[in-house]
């Protein structure tokens, strides 16, 4: 665990990341529900004016408050810092949902300290819902429409046949994942399979409303908040091979109890 930053400083970074995610989210809401044109990036995914404006805002505020910190963002790349602290930004996770007026998009901020994922914030502006965590400081959740912040906790489901599994892309049900994962051994084993995807699926696991979330293809700005969030909520977040990392190009969230069973079905012998 990344305990190299003292608790007070971890708490300060957590508070700052929460404030910035909420403020950037308010900026995105100016565009939410309107017709936006989008450009296609090199990977074929869309990017809108809202994505770019939100990231510019976040970078400017981070630079103002923490001029020695590094920043990596989905839209504008990396600015190296003078310290071993790096902010990782996804100004709109779920741009396709955002463009269609679906409220399950989020502003994601992760902070690495000496290469360790230490702080994570996921804010969902259209829902007024936020989950955040810092290593050793717990995971806190403000539910949709609520002003009350409470501790987040994963579920206690211990049997796969009673579990709820979430997936970002329904094509995964057909074994057509770009990550090459055949999910049928897992989908056949669980009770419920739903498509509440992107970042919101990981939040549902961290708050005990689902038990497993599988994202076989992700970038680091998609994964950055969720290792500290799931860990502090009592669950696990790993890549497909079971390594607890935000750099594994995939994201498997679970309540922890089910994690090894999930990995066994995602990685069958041979």
Protein backbone atom coordinates (compact mmCIF):
# COMPACT_ATOMS: atom_id res chain seq x y z
CA UNK A 1 0.00 0.00 0.00
CA UNK A 2 1.13 3.51 -0.76
CA UNK A 3 1.75 4.88 2.72
CA UNK A 4 4.80 6.91 1.71
CA UNK A 5 2.75 10.11 1.85
CA UNK A 6 1.72 10.90 5.45
CA UNK A 7 -2.00 10.57 6.28
CA UNK A 8 -2.51 14.34 6.53
CA UNK A 9 -1.14 14.87 3.03
CA UNK A 10 -3.11 11.94 1.64
CA UNK A 11 -6.20 13.53 3.15
CA UNK A 12 -5.34 16.88 1.60
CA UNK A 13 -4.92 15.33 -1.84
CA UNK A 14 -8.20 13.46 -1.44
CA UNK A 15 -10.08 16.64 -0.55
CA UNK A 16 -8.50 18.51 -3.45
CA UNK A 17 -9.30 15.75 -5.94
CA UNK A 18 -12.92 15.64 -4.77
CA UNK A 19 -13.36 19.39 -5.15
CA UNK A 20 -11.82 19.39 -8.62
CA UNK A 21 -13.86 16.41 -9.85
CA UNK A 22 -17.09 18.03 -8.71
CA UNK A 23 -16.17 21.38 -10.27
CA UNK A 24 -15.17 19.75 -13.56
CA UNK A 25 -18.40 17.78 -13.47
CA UNK A 26 -20.41 20.99 -13.16
CA UNK A 27 -18.65 22.22 -16.30
CA UNK A 28 -19.66 19.10 -18.22
CA UNK A 29 -23.28 19.56 -17.19
CA UNK A 30 -23.42 22.75 -19.25
CA UNK A 31 -23.25 20.50 -22.30
CA UNK A 32 -25.12 17.45 -21.03
CA UNK A 33 -28.34 16.80 -22.91
CA UNK A 34 -27.39 19.00 -25.84
CA UNK A 35 -26.37 17.89 -29.30
CA UNK A 36 -22.58 17.84 -29.45
CA UNK A 37 -20.35 17.08 -32.37
CA UNK A 38 -17.38 14.83 -31.70
CA UNK A 39 -13.98 14.21 -33.18
CA UNK A 40 -12.56 10.71 -33.50
CA UNK A 41 -9.28 10.02 -31.74
CA UNK A 42 -6.60 7.68 -33.03
CA UNK A 43 -8.21 4.74 -31.21
CA UNK A 44 -11.59 5.48 -32.79
CA UNK A 45 -13.22 6.75 -29.59
CA UNK A 46 -15.04 10.10 -29.60
CA UNK A 47 -13.93 13.31 -27.89
CA UNK A 48 -16.13 16.38 -27.43
CA UNK A 49 -15.65 20.01 -26.50
CA UNK A 50 -16.86 19.10 -23.01
CA UNK A 51 -14.08 16.49 -22.58
CA UNK A 52 -11.43 19.00 -23.59
CA UNK A 53 -12.74 21.91 -21.54
CA UNK A 54 -13.05 19.77 -18.41
CA UNK A 55 -9.49 18.49 -18.73
CA UNK A 56 -8.09 21.96 -19.39
CA UNK A 57 -9.84 23.16 -16.24
CA UNK A 58 -8.44 20.30 -14.16
CA UNK A 59 -4.90 20.82 -15.44
CA UNK A 60 -4.97 24.54 -14.75
CA UNK A 61 -6.24 24.06 -11.20
CA UNK A 62 -3.73 21.31 -10.43
CA UNK A 63 -0.90 23.40 -11.84
CA UNK A 64 -2.01 26.33 -9.69
CA UNK A 65 -2.28 24.36 -6.45
CA UNK A 66 0.50 21.79 -6.98
CA UNK A 67 2.96 23.18 -9.54
CA UNK A 68 5.54 20.43 -8.93
CA UNK A 69 3.12 17.53 -9.52
CA UNK A 70 2.89 15.63 -12.78
CA UNK A 71 -0.33 15.25 -14.75
CA UNK A 72 -1.44 12.60 -17.23
CA UNK A 73 -4.78 13.11 -18.97
CA UNK A 74 -6.71 11.25 -21.62
CA UNK A 75 -7.07 14.24 -23.92
CA UNK A 76 -3.77 16.14 -23.60
CA UNK A 77 -1.17 13.59 -22.61
CA UNK A 78 1.49 13.88 -19.93
CA UNK A 79 3.20 16.79 -18.22
CA UNK A 80 6.03 15.49 -16.08
CA UNK A 81 6.42 16.91 -12.62
CA UNK A 82 9.31 17.58 -10.30
CA UNK A 83 8.03 15.25 -7.57
CA UNK A 84 6.92 11.62 -7.42
CA UNK A 85 3.24 12.60 -7.37
CA UNK A 86 1.17 12.26 -10.55
CA UNK A 87 -2.47 13.09 -11.18
CA UNK A 88 -4.27 10.90 -13.76
CA UNK A 89 -7.36 12.42 -15.36
CA UNK A 90 -10.32 11.21 -17.35
CA UNK A 91 -12.52 14.29 -17.76
CA UNK A 92 -15.46 12.27 -19.09
CA UNK A 93 -15.44 8.52 -18.69
CA UNK A 94 -18.30 7.25 -20.82
CA UNK A 95 -18.30 9.90 -23.55
CA UNK A 96 -20.67 7.82 -25.68
CA UNK A 97 -23.17 7.76 -22.80
CA UNK A 98 -22.64 11.50 -22.24
CA UNK A 99 -23.33 12.29 -25.89
CA UNK A 100 -26.62 10.36 -25.75
CA UNK A 101 -27.85 12.03 -22.57
CA UNK A 102 -27.32 8.92 -20.44
CA UNK A 103 -26.37 10.02 -16.88
CA UNK A 104 -23.93 7.18 -16.18
CA UNK A 105 -20.80 9.12 -17.17
CA UNK A 106 -18.14 10.20 -14.71
CA UNK A 107 -15.20 12.47 -14.00
CA UNK A 108 -12.29 10.29 -12.84
CA UNK A 109 -9.21 11.41 -10.92
CA UNK A 110 -6.49 9.15 -9.60
CA UNK A 111 -3.29 10.20 -7.85
CA UNK A 112 -0.12 8.13 -7.75
CA UNK A 113 2.49 8.68 -5.05
CA UNK A 114 5.87 7.16 -5.90
CA UNK A 115 4.17 4.96 -8.49
CA UNK A 116 1.49 3.67 -6.12
CA UNK A 117 -2.21 4.36 -6.71
CA UNK A 118 -3.01 6.30 -3.55
CA UNK A 119 -6.06 8.51 -4.11
CA UNK A 120 -9.13 7.86 -6.24
CA UNK A 121 -12.25 9.91 -6.99
CA UNK A 122 -15.13 9.07 -9.32
CA UNK A 123 -17.81 11.75 -9.60
CA UNK A 124 -21.01 11.30 -11.63
CA UNK A 125 -22.29 14.82 -12.30
CA UNK A 126 -25.72 14.01 -13.73
CA UNK A 127 -26.46 11.83 -10.68
CA UNK A 128 -24.80 14.05 -8.06
CA UNK A 129 -23.02 10.90 -6.88
CA UNK A 130 -19.40 10.70 -5.72
CA UNK A 131 -17.16 7.94 -4.39
CA UNK A 132 -13.61 8.57 -3.20
CA UNK A 133 -10.82 6.97 -1.22
CA UNK A 134 -7.22 7.34 -0.13
CA UNK A 135 -4.97 4.56 1.07
CA UNK A 136 -5.50 3.96 4.77
CA UNK A 137 -8.26 6.57 5.05
CA UNK A 138 -11.29 4.53 3.99
CA UNK A 139 -13.76 4.89 1.16
CA UNK A 140 -16.60 7.39 1.27
CA UNK A 141 -19.73 7.67 -0.82
CA UNK A 142 -22.33 10.33 -1.42
CA UNK A 143 -25.34 8.60 -2.92
CA UNK A 144 -27.40 10.17 -5.74
CA UNK A 145 -29.22 13.27 -4.59
CA UNK A 146 -27.95 12.92 -1.01
CA UNK A 147 -25.96 15.45 1.00
CA UNK A 148 -24.87 12.75 3.44
CA UNK A 149 -21.45 11.15 3.05
CA UNK A 150 -21.14 7.61 4.38
CA UNK A 151 -18.64 4.78 4.27
CA UNK A 152 -18.71 2.61 1.18
CA UNK A 153 -18.65 -1.15 1.65
CA UNK A 154 -18.67 -4.02 -0.81
CA UNK A 155 -21.21 -6.83 -0.61
CA UNK A 156 -20.83 -10.01 1.38
CA UNK A 157 -21.96 -12.36 -1.41
CA UNK A 158 -19.80 -15.48 -1.27
CA UNK A 159 -21.30 -17.75 -3.95
CA UNK A 160 -20.98 -17.04 -7.66
CA UNK A 161 -24.42 -18.44 -8.31
CA UNK A 162 -25.84 -15.59 -6.21
CA UNK A 163 -23.64 -12.85 -7.68
CA UNK A 164 -24.45 -9.91 -9.95
CA UNK A 165 -21.92 -9.44 -12.76
CA UNK A 166 -21.59 -6.17 -14.71
CA UNK A 167 -20.04 -5.70 -18.15
CA UNK A 168 -19.39 -2.60 -20.22
CA UNK A 169 -20.04 -4.11 -23.64
CA UNK A 170 -22.74 -6.72 -24.43
CA UNK A 171 -20.41 -8.15 -27.08
CA UNK A 172 -18.50 -9.67 -24.17
CA UNK A 173 -21.41 -12.03 -23.65
CA UNK A 174 -20.69 -13.46 -27.08
CA UNK A 175 -17.00 -13.91 -26.45
CA UNK A 176 -16.12 -11.04 -28.79
CA UNK A 177 -13.97 -9.07 -26.34
CA UNK A 178 -11.07 -7.15 -27.83
CA UNK A 179 -9.11 -8.38 -24.86
CA UNK A 180 -9.54 -11.95 -25.96
CA UNK A 181 -11.42 -13.02 -22.84
CA UNK A 182 -14.11 -15.68 -23.13
CA UNK A 183 -16.54 -14.66 -20.43
CA UNK A 184 -18.98 -17.51 -20.87
CA UNK A 185 -17.55 -19.61 -18.00
CA UNK A 186 -18.16 -16.59 -15.75
CA UNK A 187 -21.50 -15.44 -17.12
CA UNK A 188 -22.83 -18.99 -16.93
CA UNK A 189 -21.86 -19.20 -13.26
CA UNK A 190 -23.51 -16.03 -11.89
CA UNK A 191 -27.08 -15.14 -11.03
CA UNK A 192 -27.44 -11.81 -12.84
CA UNK A 193 -25.58 -10.23 -15.78
CA UNK A 194 -26.19 -6.57 -16.56
CA UNK A 195 -24.64 -3.92 -18.80
CA UNK A 196 -24.16 -1.05 -16.37
CA UNK A 197 -20.72 -0.35 -17.66
CA UNK A 198 -17.81 2.06 -17.75
CA UNK A 199 -16.81 3.61 -14.44
CA UNK A 200 -20.28 3.33 -12.95
CA UNK A 201 -20.05 -0.44 -12.82
CA UNK A 202 -16.99 -0.26 -10.58
CA UNK A 203 -18.81 2.18 -8.28
CA UNK A 204 -21.73 -0.25 -8.00
CA UNK A 205 -19.32 -2.97 -6.83
CA UNK A 206 -17.61 -0.65 -4.32
CA UNK A 207 -20.99 0.28 -2.82
CA UNK A 208 -22.31 -3.29 -2.57
CA UNK A 209 -24.99 -2.98 -5.25
CA UNK A 210 -23.19 -5.40 -7.56
CA UNK A 211 -20.55 -8.02 -6.87
CA UNK A 212 -18.29 -8.17 -9.95
CA UNK A 213 -17.37 -5.78 -12.75
CA UNK A 214 -15.29 -6.93 -15.73
CA UNK A 215 -13.59 -4.49 -18.13
CA UNK A 216 -11.07 -6.45 -20.23
CA UNK A 217 -9.69 -3.44 -22.15
CA UNK A 218 -8.93 -0.18 -20.32
CA UNK A 219 -6.43 2.67 -20.29
CA UNK A 220 -4.78 3.92 -17.12
CA UNK A 221 -7.07 6.97 -16.90
CA UNK A 222 -10.02 4.55 -16.81
CA UNK A 223 -8.54 2.48 -14.00
CA UNK A 224 -6.69 5.14 -11.96
CA UNK A 225 -9.26 5.79 -9.18
CA UNK A 226 -10.48 2.27 -8.65
CA UNK A 227 -7.62 0.45 -6.96
CA UNK A 228 -7.76 2.64 -3.83
CA UNK A 229 -11.57 2.86 -4.00
CA UNK A 230 -12.15 -0.91 -4.13
CA UNK A 231 -9.39 -1.69 -1.65
CA UNK A 232 -10.66 0.81 0.92
CA UNK A 233 -14.24 -0.41 0.42
CA UNK A 234 -13.12 -3.94 1.31
CA UNK A 235 -12.96 -5.36 -2.19
CA UNK A 236 -10.31 -5.99 -4.83
CA UNK A 237 -9.33 -4.37 -8.10
CA UNK A 238 -6.86 -6.19 -10.35
CA UNK A 239 -5.93 -6.81 -13.95
CA UNK A 240 -6.99 -10.05 -15.61
CA UNK A 241 -4.06 -11.97 -14.17
CA UNK A 242 -4.87 -10.89 -10.61
CA UNK A 243 -2.21 -8.17 -10.14
CA UNK A 244 -3.38 -5.19 -8.12
CA UNK A 245 -2.42 -2.45 -10.53
CA UNK A 246 -3.89 0.40 -12.54
CA UNK A 247 -1.43 -0.30 -15.36
CA UNK A 248 -2.70 -3.73 -16.41
CA UNK A 249 -4.85 -2.57 -19.36
CA UNK A 250 -7.91 -4.18 -17.77
CA UNK A 251 -10.02 -3.82 -14.66
CA UNK A 252 -11.66 -6.53 -12.59
CA UNK A 253 -13.55 -5.26 -9.54
CA UNK A 254 -15.13 -7.56 -7.00
CA UNK A 255 -16.19 -7.75 -3.40
CA UNK A 256 -12.94 -9.62 -2.75
CA UNK A 257 -14.61 -12.82 -1.60
CA UNK A 258 -15.40 -13.82 -5.18
CA UNK A 259 -12.24 -12.54 -6.82
CA UNK A 260 -10.27 -15.76 -7.09
CA UNK A 261 -13.32 -17.59 -8.46
CA UNK A 262 -13.74 -14.85 -11.08
CA UNK A 263 -10.10 -15.06 -12.13
CA UNK A 264 -10.27 -18.85 -12.41
CA UNK A 265 -13.10 -18.53 -14.91
CA UNK A 266 -11.43 -15.74 -16.85
CA UNK A 267 -8.16 -17.68 -17.04
CA UNK A 268 -9.00 -21.37 -17.42
CA UNK A 269 -6.10 -23.85 -17.54
CA UNK A 270 -4.55 -24.08 -20.97
